[in-house]
């Protein structure tokens, strides 16, 4: 766990594909970001700003992925934020598996 507010949780997932990867998930089940209420949009903006600031303290460039699942009620949208520190190489390309050298607990401590 890195941070939480009234509507969202930001954490470093175990088994992440990238070092210092963070996920932001809503506390209320929602398949799509378009279903956010106004108060949830404000809460998301606050926690996303924190995630970006923390990511920029790790590396100059980063990615923010908005993972939406419209019309898929069982699914739960999330936002994936990670610094660009390395490139995908032979192992990842050949196997579809990723190597993350940073423990999620250590990443959460640094991203706080």
Protein backbone atom coordinates (compact mmCIF):
# COMPACT_ATOMS: atom_id res chain seq x y z
CA UNK A 1 0.00 0.00 0.00
CA UNK A 2 1.35 3.41 -0.97
CA UNK A 3 -1.59 5.75 -0.46
CA UNK A 4 -5.34 5.80 -0.16
CA UNK A 5 -8.09 8.40 -0.09
CA UNK A 6 -11.87 8.24 0.23
CA UNK A 7 -12.33 6.75 -3.27
CA UNK A 8 -9.05 5.16 -4.42
CA UNK A 9 -6.13 2.97 -3.36
CA UNK A 10 -2.62 3.27 -4.81
CA UNK A 11 -0.29 0.31 -4.33
CA UNK A 12 2.76 -1.47 -5.72
CA UNK A 13 1.42 -4.77 -7.12
CA UNK A 14 3.20 -8.05 -6.47
CA UNK A 15 4.45 -9.64 -9.68
CA UNK A 16 4.44 -6.36 -11.59
CA UNK A 17 5.87 -6.11 -15.09
CA UNK A 18 7.90 -2.97 -14.38
CA UNK A 19 10.08 -1.74 -11.54
CA UNK A 20 8.23 0.80 -9.36
CA UNK A 21 4.90 0.05 -11.03
CA UNK A 22 1.84 1.45 -9.25
CA UNK A 23 -1.83 0.62 -9.66
CA UNK A 24 -4.64 2.96 -8.74
CA UNK A 25 -7.95 1.20 -8.19
CA UNK A 26 -11.35 2.58 -7.20
CA UNK A 27 -12.85 1.41 -3.93
CA UNK A 28 -16.31 1.31 -5.50
CA UNK A 29 -16.62 -1.41 -8.14
CA UNK A 30 -16.64 0.21 -11.59
CA UNK A 31 -15.82 -1.37 -14.94
CA UNK A 32 -15.13 1.95 -16.66
CA UNK A 33 -13.62 5.31 -15.69
CA UNK A 34 -16.57 7.10 -17.31
CA UNK A 35 -18.81 5.98 -14.43
CA UNK A 36 -16.97 8.13 -11.87
CA UNK A 37 -18.97 10.68 -9.88
CA UNK A 38 -17.67 14.26 -9.61
CA UNK A 39 -16.25 13.68 -6.11
CA UNK A 40 -14.47 10.54 -7.35
CA UNK A 41 -12.93 12.46 -10.27
CA UNK A 42 -11.46 14.96 -7.79
CA UNK A 43 -10.15 12.14 -5.58
CA UNK A 44 -8.63 10.42 -8.63
CA UNK A 45 -6.91 13.65 -9.73
CA UNK A 46 -5.30 14.00 -6.30
CA UNK A 47 -4.02 10.43 -6.08
CA UNK A 48 -2.89 10.40 -9.73
CA UNK A 49 -0.86 13.58 -9.16
CA UNK A 50 0.88 11.86 -6.24
CA UNK A 51 1.62 8.82 -8.40
CA UNK A 52 3.11 10.96 -11.17
CA UNK A 53 5.24 12.98 -8.73
CA UNK A 54 6.56 9.77 -7.15
CA UNK A 55 7.26 8.26 -10.57
CA UNK A 56 9.17 11.36 -11.70
CA UNK A 57 11.37 11.03 -8.61
CA UNK A 58 12.45 7.63 -10.01
CA UNK A 59 12.89 8.45 -13.72
CA UNK A 60 12.29 11.33 -16.12
CA UNK A 61 9.90 9.45 -18.41
CA UNK A 62 6.88 7.36 -17.49
CA UNK A 63 3.69 5.73 -18.75
CA UNK A 64 0.13 6.01 -17.49
CA UNK A 65 -2.22 3.27 -18.73
CA UNK A 66 -5.97 3.58 -18.25
CA UNK A 67 -7.34 0.04 -18.21
CA UNK A 68 -11.09 0.27 -18.85
CA UNK A 69 -13.57 -2.52 -19.41
CA UNK A 70 -16.78 -0.96 -20.77
CA UNK A 71 -19.78 -3.27 -21.02
CA UNK A 72 -17.98 -5.86 -18.87
CA UNK A 73 -19.66 -5.57 -15.50
CA UNK A 74 -17.53 -8.18 -13.68
CA UNK A 75 -14.33 -6.31 -14.61
CA UNK A 76 -12.82 -3.52 -12.51
CA UNK A 77 -11.01 -0.58 -14.14
CA UNK A 78 -7.59 0.49 -12.88
CA UNK A 79 -4.77 2.86 -13.74
CA UNK A 80 -1.22 1.58 -14.16
CA UNK A 81 1.65 4.08 -13.63
CA UNK A 82 5.30 3.16 -14.09
CA UNK A 83 8.63 4.79 -14.88
CA UNK A 84 10.47 3.97 -18.09
CA UNK A 85 13.73 2.59 -16.76
CA UNK A 86 14.53 -0.30 -19.08
CA UNK A 87 13.40 -1.65 -22.39
CA UNK A 88 11.79 -4.98 -23.10
CA UNK A 89 14.48 -7.42 -24.21
CA UNK A 90 14.92 -11.00 -25.40
CA UNK A 91 13.51 -12.85 -22.39
CA UNK A 92 10.34 -10.74 -22.28
CA UNK A 93 9.86 -10.86 -26.04
CA UNK A 94 10.42 -14.62 -26.26
CA UNK A 95 8.35 -15.69 -23.26
CA UNK A 96 5.75 -12.96 -22.70
CA UNK A 97 6.91 -12.90 -19.05
CA UNK A 98 8.51 -9.92 -17.37
CA UNK A 99 11.30 -9.64 -14.82
CA UNK A 100 10.90 -7.04 -12.08
CA UNK A 101 13.98 -6.64 -9.88
CA UNK A 102 12.29 -4.42 -7.25
CA UNK A 103 10.36 -5.93 -4.32
CA UNK A 104 6.82 -4.41 -4.17
CA UNK A 105 7.21 -3.49 -0.47
CA UNK A 106 10.48 -1.64 -1.21
CA UNK A 107 8.84 0.09 -4.18
CA UNK A 108 5.90 1.20 -2.03
CA UNK A 109 8.26 2.67 0.58
CA UNK A 110 10.17 4.66 -2.05
CA UNK A 111 7.01 5.82 -3.87
CA UNK A 112 5.48 7.17 -0.64
